[in-house]
Amino acid sequence: MKKARILVVEDERDVKDLMLLHLKREGYDAEGAENGEEALQLVRQGYYDLVVLDWMLPGLSGLEVCKSLKQKIPVLMVTARADAADIVLGLEMGADDYITKPFEIPVLLARTRALLRRAVFSNEAERRQLQIGSLRADLESYEVSCDGKGLELTRSEFKLLTALMQHQGKVLSRDRLIQLIQGENVSVVDRAIDTHVFTLRKKLGPCSEVVETIRGVGYRVKSSE
């Protein structure tokens, strides 16, 4: 199983080293930074599952770092500032959880585990939900909607649409689409893809424009970016 990567941002070296020691003992891939600028540089260079972030840092503060991360990475804020107003401010700036100094190592580890579990659940939920503009598809419930209105698709149409949505912005050939949507009780041949796309577009109504024909190649859905 892949180890979770954790970045500890703490200017007190003894505190940083202690957190890193215990996080590594728990099996995490943990590394440290001693100021906000270094932390953001490390984030730009690699992927992290969690940032443990001290509020009071030299130079760029923990709050500024948190804001710069734009909630792309879960943040556990660690600070001596325990006023309710400070806690609210930290959470509003993007922190996911908050512990105050001095803290017990078991508390740090418990909060870390909780945030990582929450992040995994959130990522899995997002992967089950596909959306391009006002077109939405739920891979778990097999529901599709356009502008909030539910659509009735056949199994083949649903597989075709979600295959395109999962590869948005990329052109998929007919052969590739057949490979992606072929499955149990689903039989698709080359030219039948064109028929499926035709009927799919009719059912999508105002959302039909997201499905584009690339002549001589195949189909794609427009990128949402």
C-alpha atoms as a PDB file:
ATOM      1  CA  MET A   1       0.000   0.000   0.000  1.00  0.00           C
ATOM      2  CA  LYS A   2       1.260   3.464  -0.870  1.00  0.00           C
ATOM      3  CA  LYS A   3       2.389   5.539   2.111  1.00  0.00           C
ATOM      4  CA  ALA A   4       0.607   8.827   2.721  1.00  0.00           C
ATOM      5  CA  ARG A   5       2.947  11.785   2.181  1.00  0.00           C
ATOM      6  CA  ILE A   6       2.883  14.431   4.895  1.00  0.00           C
ATOM      7  CA  LEU A   7       4.629  17.796   4.983  1.00  0.00           C
ATOM      8  CA  VAL A   8       5.318  19.226   8.462  1.00  0.00           C
ATOM      9  CA  VAL A   9       5.858  22.998   8.435  1.00  0.00           C
ATOM     10  CA  GLU A  10       7.285  24.106  11.796  1.00  0.00           C
ATOM     11  CA  ASP A  11      10.033  26.622  12.578  1.00  0.00           C
ATOM     12  CA  GLU A  12      10.857  25.127  16.002  1.00  0.00           C
ATOM     13  CA  ARG A  13      13.277  22.420  14.958  1.00  0.00           C
ATOM     14  CA  ASP A  14      12.839  20.236  18.050  1.00  0.00           C
ATOM     15  CA  VAL A  15       9.038  20.252  17.628  1.00  0.00           C
ATOM     16  CA  LYS A  16       9.326  19.558  13.890  1.00  0.00           C
ATOM     17  CA  ASP A  17      11.752  16.686  14.416  1.00  0.00           C
ATOM     18  CA  LEU A  18       9.533  15.172  17.120  1.00  0.00           C
ATOM     19  CA  MET A  19       6.464  15.260  14.853  1.00  0.00           C
ATOM     20  CA  LEU A  20       8.435  13.796  11.954  1.00  0.00           C
ATOM     21  CA  LEU A  21       9.774  11.012  14.159  1.00  0.00           C
ATOM     22  CA  HIS A  22       6.338   9.884  15.292  1.00  0.00           C
ATOM     23  CA  LEU A  23       4.710  10.287  11.888  1.00  0.00           C
ATOM     24  CA  LYS A  24       7.405   8.105  10.331  1.00  0.00           C
ATOM     25  CA  ARG A  25       6.950   5.534  13.095  1.00  0.00           C
ATOM     26  CA  GLU A  26       3.276   5.413  12.113  1.00  0.00           C
ATOM     27  CA  GLY A  27       4.337   4.491   8.581  1.00  0.00           C
ATOM     28  CA  TYR A  28       3.900   7.851   6.862  1.00  0.00           C
ATOM     29  CA  ASP A  29       6.327   9.341   4.349  1.00  0.00           C
ATOM     30  CA  ALA A  30       6.958  12.589   6.234  1.00  0.00           C
ATOM     31  CA  GLU A  31       9.310  15.481   5.596  1.00  0.00           C
ATOM     32  CA  GLY A  32       9.707  18.945   7.052  1.00  0.00           C
ATOM     33  CA  ALA A  33      10.010  22.612   6.195  1.00  0.00           C
ATOM     34  CA  GLU A  34      10.920  25.464   8.538  1.00  0.00           C
ATOM     35  CA  ASN A  35       9.205  28.399   6.828  1.00  0.00           C
ATOM     36  CA  GLY A  36       6.303  29.181   4.519  1.00  0.00           C
ATOM     37  CA  GLU A  37       8.372  29.872   1.413  1.00  0.00           C
ATOM     38  CA  GLU A  38      10.125  26.503   1.680  1.00  0.00           C
ATOM     39  CA  ALA A  39       6.794  24.770   2.255  1.00  0.00           C
ATOM     40  CA  LEU A  40       5.192  26.223  -0.885  1.00  0.00           C
ATOM     41  CA  GLN A  41       8.278  25.353  -2.909  1.00  0.00           C
ATOM     42  CA  LEU A  42       8.070  21.720  -1.765  1.00  0.00           C
ATOM     43  CA  VAL A  43       4.349  21.612  -2.581  1.00  0.00           C
ATOM     44  CA  ARG A  44       5.064  22.892  -6.091  1.00  0.00           C
ATOM     45  CA  GLN A  45       7.692  20.189  -6.571  1.00  0.00           C
ATOM     46  CA  GLY A  46       5.715  17.212  -5.310  1.00  0.00           C
ATOM     47  CA  TYR A  47       2.422  15.733  -4.125  1.00  0.00           C
ATOM     48  CA  TYR A  48       1.347  15.641  -0.467  1.00  0.00           C
ATOM     49  CA  ASP A  49      -1.689  14.040   1.142  1.00  0.00           C
ATOM     50  CA  LEU A  50      -1.608  16.319   4.190  1.00  0.00           C
ATOM     51  CA  VAL A  51       0.166  19.440   5.447  1.00  0.00           C
ATOM     52  CA  VAL A  52       0.720  19.862   9.201  1.00  0.00           C
ATOM     53  CA  LEU A  53       1.150  23.627   9.419  1.00  0.00           C
ATOM     54  CA  ASP A  54       2.312  25.908  12.220  1.00  0.00           C
ATOM     55  CA  TRP A  55       0.551  29.292  12.305  1.00  0.00           C
ATOM     56  CA  MET A  56       3.468  31.407  13.552  1.00  0.00           C
ATOM     57  CA  LEU A  57       6.189  31.062  10.950  1.00  0.00           C
ATOM     58  CA  PRO A  58       9.000  33.470  10.081  1.00  0.00           C
ATOM     59  CA  GLY A  59       8.261  35.420   6.911  1.00  0.00           C
ATOM     60  CA  LEU A  60       5.203  33.948   5.239  1.00  0.00           C
ATOM     61  CA  SER A  61       2.750  33.027   8.002  1.00  0.00           C
ATOM     62  CA  GLY A  62       0.918  29.732   8.277  1.00  0.00           C
ATOM     63  CA  LEU A  63      -2.322  31.518   7.418  1.00  0.00           C
ATOM     64  CA  GLU A  64      -0.796  32.867   4.201  1.00  0.00           C
ATOM     65  CA  VAL A  65       0.516  29.412   3.307  1.00  0.00           C
ATOM     66  CA  CYS A  66      -2.912  27.927   3.995  1.00  0.00           C
ATOM     67  CA  LYS A  67      -4.553  30.508   1.755  1.00  0.00           C
ATOM     68  CA  SER A  68      -2.004  29.862  -1.014  1.00  0.00           C
ATOM     69  CA  LEU A  69      -2.778  26.137  -0.973  1.00  0.00           C
ATOM     70  CA  LYS A  70      -6.378  27.028  -1.971  1.00  0.00           C
ATOM     71  CA  GLN A  71      -7.740  23.944  -0.161  1.00  0.00           C
ATOM     72  CA  LYS A  72      -6.043  21.624  -2.672  1.00  0.00           C
ATOM     73  CA  ILE A  73      -4.369  19.726   0.189  1.00  0.00           C
ATOM     74  CA  PRO A  74      -5.870  18.951   3.619  1.00  0.00           C
ATOM     75  CA  VAL A  75      -4.294  21.162   6.309  1.00  0.00           C
ATOM     76  CA  LEU A  76      -3.926  20.450  10.019  1.00  0.00           C
ATOM     77  CA  MET A  77      -3.151  23.785  11.703  1.00  0.00           C
ATOM     78  CA  VAL A  78      -0.917  23.625  14.792  1.00  0.00           C
ATOM     79  CA  THR A  79      -0.477  26.723  16.943  1.00  0.00           C
ATOM     80  CA  ALA A  80      -0.329  28.191  20.421  1.00  0.00           C
ATOM     81  CA  ARG A  81      -3.171  30.584  19.510  1.00  0.00           C
ATOM     82  CA  ALA A  82      -6.178  29.039  21.203  1.00  0.00           C
ATOM     83  CA  ASP A  83      -8.758  31.841  21.130  1.00  0.00           C
ATOM     84  CA  ALA A  84     -12.049  30.917  19.478  1.00  0.00           C
ATOM     85  CA  ALA A  85     -11.643  33.819  17.035  1.00  0.00           C
ATOM     86  CA  ASP A  86      -8.228  32.495  15.962  1.00  0.00           C
ATOM     87  CA  ILE A  87      -9.587  28.987  15.460  1.00  0.00           C
ATOM     88  CA  VAL A  88     -12.448  30.320  13.345  1.00  0.00           C
ATOM     89  CA  LEU A  89     -10.036  32.438  11.292  1.00  0.00           C
ATOM     90  CA  GLY A  90      -7.763  29.456  10.651  1.00  0.00           C
ATOM     91  CA  LEU A  91     -10.672  27.301   9.512  1.00  0.00           C
ATOM     92  CA  GLU A  92     -12.056  30.063   7.310  1.00  0.00           C
ATOM     93  CA  MET A  93      -8.655  30.435   5.644  1.00  0.00           C
ATOM     94  CA  GLY A  94      -8.783  26.792   4.569  1.00  0.00           C
ATOM     95  CA  ALA A  95      -7.521  24.694   7.481  1.00  0.00           C
ATOM     96  CA  ASP A  96      -9.373  21.386   7.851  1.00  0.00           C
ATOM     97  CA  ASP A  97      -8.602  20.868  11.527  1.00  0.00           C
ATOM     98  CA  TYR A  98      -6.824  22.651  14.357  1.00  0.00           C
ATOM     99  CA  ILE A  99      -4.816  21.599  17.415  1.00  0.00           C
ATOM    100  CA  THR A 100      -3.210  23.904  19.955  1.00  0.00           C
ATOM    101  CA  LYS A 101       0.209  23.796  21.548  1.00  0.00           C
ATOM    102  CA  PRO A 102       1.227  22.146  23.747  1.00  0.00           C
ATOM    103  CA  PHE A 103      -0.319  18.972  22.334  1.00  0.00           C
ATOM    104  CA  GLU A 104       0.035  15.268  22.978  1.00  0.00           C
ATOM    105  CA  ILE A 105       1.555  13.163  20.190  1.00  0.00           C
ATOM    106  CA  PRO A 106      -1.363  10.658  20.275  1.00  0.00           C
ATOM    107  CA  VAL A 107      -3.719  13.594  19.565  1.00  0.00           C
ATOM    108  CA  LEU A 108      -1.595  14.683  16.592  1.00  0.00           C
ATOM    109  CA  LEU A 109      -1.601  11.146  15.211  1.00  0.00           C
ATOM    110  CA  ALA A 110      -5.357  10.702  15.739  1.00  0.00           C
ATOM    111  CA  ARG A 111      -6.141  13.984  13.958  1.00  0.00           C
ATOM    112  CA  THR A 112      -3.761  13.006  11.144  1.00  0.00           C
ATOM    113  CA  ARG A 113      -5.474   9.650  10.644  1.00  0.00           C
ATOM    114  CA  ALA A 114      -8.910  11.278  10.681  1.00  0.00           C
ATOM    115  CA  LEU A 115      -7.968  13.879   8.056  1.00  0.00           C
ATOM    116  CA  LEU A 116      -6.371  11.286   5.790  1.00  0.00           C
ATOM    117  CA  ARG A 117      -9.471   9.064   6.021  1.00  0.00           C
ATOM    118  CA  ARG A 118     -11.676  12.046   5.218  1.00  0.00           C
ATOM    119  CA  ALA A 119      -9.497  12.956   2.226  1.00  0.00           C
ATOM    120  CA  VAL A 120      -9.656   9.407   0.851  1.00  0.00           C
ATOM    121  CA  PHE A 121     -13.459   9.323   1.219  1.00  0.00           C
ATOM    122  CA  SER A 122     -13.774  12.744  -0.429  1.00  0.00           C
ATOM    123  CA  ASN A 123     -11.551  11.737  -3.363  1.00  0.00           C
ATOM    124  CA  GLU A 124     -13.475   8.509  -3.904  1.00  0.00           C
ATOM    125  CA  ALA A 125     -16.775  10.396  -3.831  1.00  0.00           C
ATOM    126  CA  GLU A 126     -15.456  12.909  -6.367  1.00  0.00           C
ATOM    127  CA  ARG A 127     -14.330  10.116  -8.671  1.00  0.00           C
ATOM    128  CA  ARG A 128     -17.878   8.718  -8.627  1.00  0.00           C
ATOM    129  CA  GLN A 129     -19.301  12.099  -9.627  1.00  0.00           C
ATOM    130  CA  LEU A 130     -18.593  13.390 -13.123  1.00  0.00           C
ATOM    131  CA  GLN A 131     -19.565  16.886 -14.188  1.00  0.00           C
ATOM    132  CA  ILE A 132     -19.012  19.031 -17.268  1.00  0.00           C
ATOM    133  CA  GLY A 133     -20.928  22.285 -17.168  1.00  0.00           C
ATOM    134  CA  SER A 134     -24.521  21.464 -16.227  1.00  0.00           C
ATOM    135  CA  LEU A 135     -24.139  17.819 -17.298  1.00  0.00           C
ATOM    136  CA  ARG A 136     -23.703  15.404 -14.380  1.00  0.00           C
ATOM    137  CA  ALA A 137     -23.255  11.645 -14.170  1.00  0.00           C
ATOM    138  CA  ASP A 138     -23.102   9.466 -11.058  1.00  0.00           C
ATOM    139  CA  LEU A 139     -21.089   6.281 -11.607  1.00  0.00           C
ATOM    140  CA  GLU A 140     -22.600   4.613  -8.548  1.00  0.00           C
ATOM    141  CA  SER A 141     -26.303   5.312  -9.033  1.00  0.00           C
ATOM    142  CA  TYR A 142     -26.181   5.356 -12.875  1.00  0.00           C
ATOM    143  CA  GLU A 143     -28.036   8.689 -12.833  1.00  0.00           C
ATOM    144  CA  VAL A 144     -27.456  11.419 -15.442  1.00  0.00           C
ATOM    145  CA  SER A 145     -28.880  14.933 -15.377  1.00  0.00           C
ATOM    146  CA  CYS A 146     -28.711  18.073 -17.500  1.00  0.00           C
ATOM    147  CA  ASP A 147     -29.562  21.407 -15.879  1.00  0.00           C
ATOM    148  CA  GLY A 148     -30.823  19.423 -12.902  1.00  0.00           C
ATOM    149  CA  LYS A 149     -33.278  17.367 -14.997  1.00  0.00           C
ATOM    150  CA  GLY A 150     -32.855  13.595 -14.913  1.00  0.00           C
ATOM    151  CA  LEU A 151     -32.205  11.783 -18.200  1.00  0.00           C
ATOM    152  CA  GLU A 152     -33.109   8.222 -19.158  1.00  0.00           C
ATOM    153  CA  LEU A 153     -30.170   6.516 -20.876  1.00  0.00           C
ATOM    154  CA  THR A 154     -29.638   2.930 -21.928  1.00  0.00           C
ATOM    155  CA  ARG A 155     -26.725   1.042 -20.367  1.00  0.00           C
ATOM    156  CA  SER A 156     -24.678   1.457 -23.555  1.00  0.00           C
ATOM    157  CA  GLU A 157     -25.426   5.181 -23.755  1.00  0.00           C
ATOM    158  CA  PHE A 158     -24.466   5.636 -20.101  1.00  0.00           C
ATOM    159  CA  LYS A 159     -21.184   3.773 -20.593  1.00  0.00           C
ATOM    160  CA  LEU A 160     -20.433   5.758 -23.730  1.00  0.00           C
ATOM    161  CA  LEU A 161     -21.138   9.100 -22.048  1.00  0.00           C
ATOM    162  CA  THR A 162     -19.153   8.351 -18.887  1.00  0.00           C
ATOM    163  CA  ALA A 163     -16.228   6.989 -20.897  1.00  0.00           C
ATOM    164  CA  LEU A 164     -16.078  10.284 -22.787  1.00  0.00           C
ATOM    165  CA  MET A 165     -16.522  12.337 -19.600  1.00  0.00           C
ATOM    166  CA  GLN A 166     -13.715  10.461 -17.851  1.00  0.00           C
ATOM    167  CA  HIS A 167     -11.437  11.357 -20.771  1.00  0.00           C
ATOM    168  CA  GLN A 168     -12.714  14.902 -21.256  1.00  0.00           C
ATOM    169  CA  GLY A 169     -10.780  16.969 -23.744  1.00  0.00           C
ATOM    170  CA  LYS A 170      -9.308  13.824 -25.340  1.00  0.00           C
ATOM    171  CA  VAL A 171     -10.416  12.353 -28.662  1.00  0.00           C
ATOM    172  CA  LEU A 172     -11.472   8.709 -28.405  1.00  0.00           C
ATOM    173  CA  SER A 173     -11.593   6.608 -31.565  1.00  0.00           C
ATOM    174  CA  ARG A 174     -14.503   4.272 -32.237  1.00  0.00           C
ATOM    175  CA  ASP A 175     -12.269   1.281 -31.503  1.00  0.00           C
ATOM    176  CA  ARG A 176     -11.190   2.804 -28.192  1.00  0.00           C
ATOM    177  CA  LEU A 177     -14.793   3.537 -27.237  1.00  0.00           C
ATOM    178  CA  ILE A 178     -15.745  -0.050 -28.000  1.00  0.00           C
ATOM    179  CA  GLN A 179     -12.949  -1.230 -25.664  1.00  0.00           C
ATOM    180  CA  LEU A 180     -14.092   1.127 -22.907  1.00  0.00           C
ATOM    181  CA  ILE A 181     -17.809   0.386 -22.990  1.00  0.00           C
ATOM    182  CA  GLN A 182     -17.809  -3.290 -23.988  1.00  0.00           C
ATOM    183  CA  GLY A 183     -18.817  -5.401 -21.020  1.00  0.00           C
ATOM    184  CA  GLU A 184     -21.300  -7.846 -19.617  1.00  0.00           C
ATOM    185  CA  ASN A 185     -24.570  -7.681 -21.550  1.00  0.00           C
ATOM    186  CA  VAL A 186     -23.178  -4.856 -23.686  1.00  0.00           C
ATOM    187  CA  SER A 187     -22.321  -5.658 -27.290  1.00  0.00           C
ATOM    188  CA  VAL A 188     -21.076  -2.851 -29.498  1.00  0.00           C
ATOM    189  CA  VAL A 189     -19.734  -2.907 -33.041  1.00  0.00           C
ATOM    190  CA  ASP A 190     -17.804  -0.197 -34.885  1.00  0.00           C
ATOM    191  CA  ARG A 191     -20.476   1.757 -36.746  1.00  0.00           C
ATOM    192  CA  ALA A 192     -23.010   1.218 -33.950  1.00  0.00           C
ATOM    193  CA  ILE A 193     -21.010   3.782 -31.940  1.00  0.00           C
ATOM    194  CA  ASP A 194     -22.252   6.458 -34.338  1.00  0.00           C
ATOM    195  CA  THR A 195     -25.859   5.425 -33.707  1.00  0.00           C
ATOM    196  CA  HIS A 196     -25.296   5.446 -29.944  1.00  0.00           C
ATOM    197  CA  VAL A 197     -23.792   8.936 -30.138  1.00  0.00           C
ATOM    198  CA  PHE A 198     -26.706  10.156 -32.258  1.00  0.00           C
ATOM    199  CA  THR A 199     -29.339   8.903 -29.811  1.00  0.00           C
ATOM    200  CA  LEU A 200     -27.262  10.043 -26.839  1.00  0.00           C
ATOM    201  CA  ARG A 201     -27.101  13.593 -28.156  1.00  0.00           C
ATOM    202  CA  LYS A 202     -30.876  13.662 -28.646  1.00  0.00           C
ATOM    203  CA  LYS A 203     -31.407  12.594 -25.037  1.00  0.00           C
ATOM    204  CA  LEU A 204     -28.874  15.086 -23.675  1.00  0.00           C
ATOM    205  CA  GLY A 205     -30.920  17.990 -25.015  1.00  0.00           C
ATOM    206  CA  PRO A 206     -29.272  21.336 -24.137  1.00  0.00           C
ATOM    207  CA  CYS A 207     -26.183  19.459 -22.915  1.00  0.00           C
ATOM    208  CA  SER A 208     -25.675  17.717 -26.272  1.00  0.00           C
ATOM    209  CA  GLU A 209     -23.118  20.305 -27.389  1.00  0.00           C
ATOM    210  CA  VAL A 210     -20.526  18.898 -24.982  1.00  0.00           C
ATOM    211  CA  VAL A 211     -20.168  15.829 -27.244  1.00  0.00           C
ATOM    212  CA  GLU A 212     -18.100  16.698 -30.305  1.00  0.00           C
ATOM    213  CA  THR A 213     -17.464  14.722 -33.488  1.00  0.00           C
ATOM    214  CA  ILE A 214     -13.860  14.746 -34.665  1.00  0.00           C
ATOM    215  CA  ARG A 215     -14.108  13.784 -38.327  1.00  0.00           C
ATOM    216  CA  GLY A 216     -12.166  10.725 -39.333  1.00  0.00           C
ATOM    217  CA  VAL A 217     -11.055  10.076 -35.759  1.00  0.00           C
ATOM    218  CA  GLY A 218     -13.880   9.670 -33.221  1.00  0.00           C
ATOM    219  CA  TYR A 219     -15.545  11.644 -30.454  1.00  0.00           C
ATOM    220  CA  ARG A 220     -14.729  13.701 -27.379  1.00  0.00           C
ATOM    221  CA  VAL A 221     -16.431  15.820 -24.765  1.00  0.00           C
ATOM    222  CA  LYS A 222     -15.272  19.383 -24.330  1.00  0.00           C
ATOM    223  CA  SER A 223     -12.947  20.072 -21.451  1.00  0.00           C
ATOM    224  CA  SER A 224     -14.580  21.963 -18.591  1.00  0.00           C
ATOM    225  CA  GLU A 225     -11.451  24.118 -18.170  1.00  0.00           C
END
